[in-house]
């Protein structure tokens, strides 16, 4: 299961605005012996509004995997 934990704006060099969503995978660790075990946090994934994968490059800098487009965000809460 994935949970959206954050949404923020980023722009490319031409000034186009992209909405990026940060998702955190939740891993069910329940077993037959312990069906009530808690969920663990798994890997984080960043996607654009249209579902393109985004790589975190540095604080405030991202790359769309499918196009190589570099995005930047000045949002203080952006990863």
N, C-alpha and C. Protein backbone atom coordinates (compact mmCIF):
# COMPACT_ATOMS: atom_id res chain seq x y z
N UNK A 1 0.83 -1.16 0.00
CA UNK A 1 0.00 0.00 0.00
C UNK A 1 0.89 1.24 0.00
N UNK A 2 0.48 2.24 -0.78
CA UNK A 2 1.20 3.51 -0.81
C UNK A 2 0.33 4.61 -0.22
N UNK A 3 0.99 5.52 0.47
CA UNK A 3 0.30 6.64 1.08
C UNK A 3 0.95 7.93 0.59
N UNK A 4 0.12 8.84 0.05
CA UNK A 4 0.68 10.13 -0.37
C UNK A 4 0.95 10.95 0.89
N UNK A 5 2.20 11.37 1.04
CA UNK A 5 2.58 12.08 2.25
C UNK A 5 2.88 13.56 2.01
N UNK A 6 2.99 13.95 0.73
CA UNK A 6 3.34 15.34 0.45
C UNK A 6 3.05 15.67 -1.00
N UNK A 7 2.70 16.92 -1.26
CA UNK A 7 2.54 17.46 -2.61
C UNK A 7 3.20 18.84 -2.64
N UNK A 8 3.94 19.11 -3.72
CA UNK A 8 4.59 20.42 -3.83
C UNK A 8 4.78 20.76 -5.30
N UNK A 9 5.07 22.03 -5.57
CA UNK A 9 5.30 22.51 -6.94
C UNK A 9 6.78 22.59 -7.23
N UNK A 10 7.11 22.31 -8.51
CA UNK A 10 8.47 22.48 -9.00
C UNK A 10 8.37 23.03 -10.42
N UNK A 11 9.40 23.74 -10.86
CA UNK A 11 9.38 24.33 -12.20
C UNK A 11 10.60 23.89 -12.98
N UNK A 12 10.43 23.87 -14.33
CA UNK A 12 11.57 23.57 -15.19
C UNK A 12 12.21 24.89 -15.62
N UNK A 13 13.25 24.82 -16.44
CA UNK A 13 13.98 26.02 -16.86
C UNK A 13 13.15 26.97 -17.72
N UNK A 14 12.06 26.45 -18.33
CA UNK A 14 11.19 27.29 -19.15
C UNK A 14 10.07 27.92 -18.34
N UNK A 15 10.01 27.62 -17.04
CA UNK A 15 8.98 28.20 -16.18
C UNK A 15 7.71 27.38 -16.08
N UNK A 16 7.69 26.20 -16.71
CA UNK A 16 6.52 25.32 -16.61
C UNK A 16 6.43 24.77 -15.19
N UNK A 17 5.23 24.78 -14.64
CA UNK A 17 5.02 24.32 -13.27
C UNK A 17 4.55 22.87 -13.29
N UNK A 18 5.15 22.06 -12.44
CA UNK A 18 4.79 20.66 -12.27
C UNK A 18 4.35 20.44 -10.83
N UNK A 19 3.33 19.63 -10.66
CA UNK A 19 2.91 19.23 -9.32
C UNK A 19 3.54 17.87 -9.05
N UNK A 20 4.31 17.77 -7.96
CA UNK A 20 4.98 16.52 -7.60
C UNK A 20 4.34 15.97 -6.33
N UNK A 21 4.14 14.66 -6.33
CA UNK A 21 3.55 13.96 -5.20
C UNK A 21 4.57 12.99 -4.64
N UNK A 22 4.71 13.00 -3.33
CA UNK A 22 5.64 12.09 -2.64
C UNK A 22 4.80 11.00 -1.99
N UNK A 23 5.15 9.75 -2.30
CA UNK A 23 4.45 8.59 -1.75
C UNK A 23 5.40 7.77 -0.88
N UNK A 24 4.87 7.22 0.17
CA UNK A 24 5.63 6.34 1.05
C UNK A 24 4.96 4.98 1.01
N UNK A 25 5.73 3.97 0.69
CA UNK A 25 5.20 2.61 0.66
C UNK A 25 5.08 2.11 2.09
N UNK A 26 3.97 1.47 2.39
CA UNK A 26 3.73 0.87 3.70
C UNK A 26 3.76 -0.64 3.51
N UNK A 27 4.56 -1.32 4.30
CA UNK A 27 4.76 -2.76 4.16
C UNK A 27 4.04 -3.48 5.30
N UNK A 28 3.15 -4.37 4.93
CA UNK A 28 2.42 -5.16 5.91
C UNK A 28 3.32 -6.29 6.39
N UNK A 29 3.62 -6.31 7.67
CA UNK A 29 4.49 -7.34 8.23
C UNK A 29 3.72 -8.37 9.06
N UNK A 30 2.40 -8.35 8.90
CA UNK A 30 1.57 -9.32 9.63
C UNK A 30 1.90 -10.74 9.15
N UNK A 31 1.82 -11.68 10.08
CA UNK A 31 2.03 -13.09 9.77
C UNK A 31 0.82 -13.88 10.28
N UNK A 32 0.81 -15.13 9.96
CA UNK A 32 -0.27 -15.99 10.44
C UNK A 32 -0.28 -16.01 11.97
N UNK A 33 0.91 -16.01 12.57
CA UNK A 33 1.02 -16.03 14.03
C UNK A 33 0.74 -14.67 14.67
N UNK A 34 0.95 -13.60 13.92
CA UNK A 34 0.74 -12.25 14.45
C UNK A 34 0.03 -11.40 13.41
N UNK A 35 -1.28 -11.61 13.22
CA UNK A 35 -2.02 -10.89 12.19
C UNK A 35 -2.20 -9.40 12.48
N UNK A 36 -1.91 -8.97 13.69
CA UNK A 36 -2.08 -7.57 14.06
C UNK A 36 -0.77 -6.78 14.07
N UNK A 37 0.26 -7.34 13.48
CA UNK A 37 1.56 -6.66 13.45
C UNK A 37 1.41 -5.31 12.74
N UNK A 38 2.23 -4.36 13.13
CA UNK A 38 2.14 -3.02 12.56
C UNK A 38 2.70 -2.98 11.15
N UNK A 39 2.36 -1.91 10.46
CA UNK A 39 2.89 -1.66 9.12
C UNK A 39 4.24 -0.95 9.27
N UNK A 40 5.19 -1.28 8.40
CA UNK A 40 6.50 -0.63 8.39
C UNK A 40 6.57 0.37 7.24
N UNK A 41 7.36 1.41 7.42
CA UNK A 41 7.60 2.35 6.33
C UNK A 41 8.58 1.74 5.36
N UNK A 42 8.27 1.85 4.08
CA UNK A 42 9.14 1.35 3.03
C UNK A 42 9.74 2.51 2.25
N UNK A 43 10.10 2.26 1.00
CA UNK A 43 10.75 3.30 0.19
C UNK A 43 9.80 4.44 -0.17
N UNK A 44 10.41 5.57 -0.49
CA UNK A 44 9.68 6.77 -0.90
C UNK A 44 9.77 6.89 -2.42
N UNK A 45 8.68 7.36 -3.04
CA UNK A 45 8.64 7.54 -4.49
C UNK A 45 8.06 8.91 -4.78
N UNK A 46 8.62 9.60 -5.79
CA UNK A 46 8.09 10.90 -6.22
C UNK A 46 7.57 10.73 -7.64
N UNK A 47 6.34 11.22 -7.87
CA UNK A 47 5.70 11.15 -9.18
C UNK A 47 5.14 12.51 -9.57
N UNK A 48 5.09 12.79 -10.88
CA UNK A 48 4.40 13.98 -11.37
C UNK A 48 2.91 13.71 -11.37
N UNK A 49 2.12 14.75 -11.63
CA UNK A 49 0.67 14.60 -11.71
C UNK A 49 0.24 13.54 -12.74
N UNK A 50 1.00 13.42 -13.84
CA UNK A 50 0.62 12.45 -14.87
C UNK A 50 1.30 11.10 -14.69
N UNK A 51 1.97 10.88 -13.55
CA UNK A 51 2.51 9.57 -13.22
C UNK A 51 3.95 9.32 -13.63
N UNK A 52 4.64 10.34 -14.16
CA UNK A 52 6.05 10.15 -14.51
C UNK A 52 6.89 10.02 -13.23
N UNK A 53 7.87 9.16 -13.27
CA UNK A 53 8.78 8.95 -12.13
C UNK A 53 9.76 10.11 -12.03
N UNK A 54 10.04 10.50 -10.79
CA UNK A 54 10.93 11.62 -10.53
C UNK A 54 12.04 11.15 -9.59
N UNK A 55 13.27 11.54 -9.92
CA UNK A 55 14.43 11.22 -9.09
C UNK A 55 14.79 12.44 -8.26
N UNK A 56 15.03 12.23 -6.98
CA UNK A 56 15.55 13.27 -6.10
C UNK A 56 17.03 13.42 -6.40
N UNK A 57 17.45 14.62 -6.82
CA UNK A 57 18.86 14.86 -7.12
C UNK A 57 19.57 15.51 -5.93
N UNK A 58 18.95 16.54 -5.39
CA UNK A 58 19.49 17.29 -4.27
C UNK A 58 18.32 18.08 -3.69
N UNK A 59 18.49 18.63 -2.53
CA UNK A 59 17.39 19.40 -1.92
C UNK A 59 16.90 20.46 -2.90
N UNK A 60 15.62 20.36 -3.30
CA UNK A 60 15.03 21.31 -4.23
C UNK A 60 15.32 21.05 -5.69
N UNK A 61 15.98 19.94 -6.02
CA UNK A 61 16.31 19.61 -7.42
C UNK A 61 15.91 18.18 -7.73
N UNK A 62 15.20 18.02 -8.86
CA UNK A 62 14.61 16.73 -9.23
C UNK A 62 14.77 16.51 -10.73
N UNK A 63 14.66 15.26 -11.15
CA UNK A 63 14.74 14.94 -12.58
C UNK A 63 13.61 13.99 -12.95
N UNK A 64 12.88 14.33 -14.01
CA UNK A 64 11.85 13.43 -14.52
C UNK A 64 12.56 12.32 -15.29
N UNK A 65 12.38 11.09 -14.87
CA UNK A 65 13.10 9.95 -15.43
C UNK A 65 12.82 9.80 -16.92
N UNK A 66 11.57 9.87 -17.31
CA UNK A 66 11.19 9.61 -18.70
C UNK A 66 11.74 10.63 -19.69
N UNK A 67 11.97 11.88 -19.25
CA UNK A 67 12.38 12.93 -20.18
C UNK A 67 13.76 13.52 -19.88
N UNK A 68 14.27 13.31 -18.67
CA UNK A 68 15.53 13.92 -18.27
C UNK A 68 15.38 15.38 -17.87
N UNK A 69 14.14 15.88 -17.88
CA UNK A 69 13.86 17.28 -17.53
C UNK A 69 14.23 17.53 -16.07
N UNK A 70 14.98 18.61 -15.83
CA UNK A 70 15.37 19.00 -14.47
C UNK A 70 14.32 19.96 -13.93
N UNK A 71 13.88 19.71 -12.71
CA UNK A 71 12.91 20.56 -12.03
C UNK A 71 13.53 21.11 -10.75
N UNK A 72 13.06 22.30 -10.37
CA UNK A 72 13.55 22.90 -9.13
C UNK A 72 12.36 23.40 -8.31
N UNK A 73 12.50 23.33 -7.01
CA UNK A 73 11.46 23.81 -6.12
C UNK A 73 12.09 24.64 -4.99
N UNK A 74 11.44 25.75 -4.69
CA UNK A 74 11.87 26.56 -3.56
C UNK A 74 10.96 26.37 -2.36
N UNK A 75 10.04 25.42 -2.48
CA UNK A 75 9.13 25.11 -1.37
C UNK A 75 9.97 24.66 -0.17
N UNK A 76 9.85 25.32 0.97
CA UNK A 76 10.68 24.96 2.12
C UNK A 76 10.42 23.55 2.65
N UNK A 77 9.25 23.00 2.33
CA UNK A 77 8.92 21.65 2.79
C UNK A 77 9.25 20.57 1.77
N UNK A 78 9.70 20.97 0.58
CA UNK A 78 10.03 19.99 -0.45
C UNK A 78 11.25 19.17 -0.03
N UNK A 79 11.23 17.90 -0.37
CA UNK A 79 12.40 17.06 0.01
C UNK A 79 13.65 17.46 -0.77
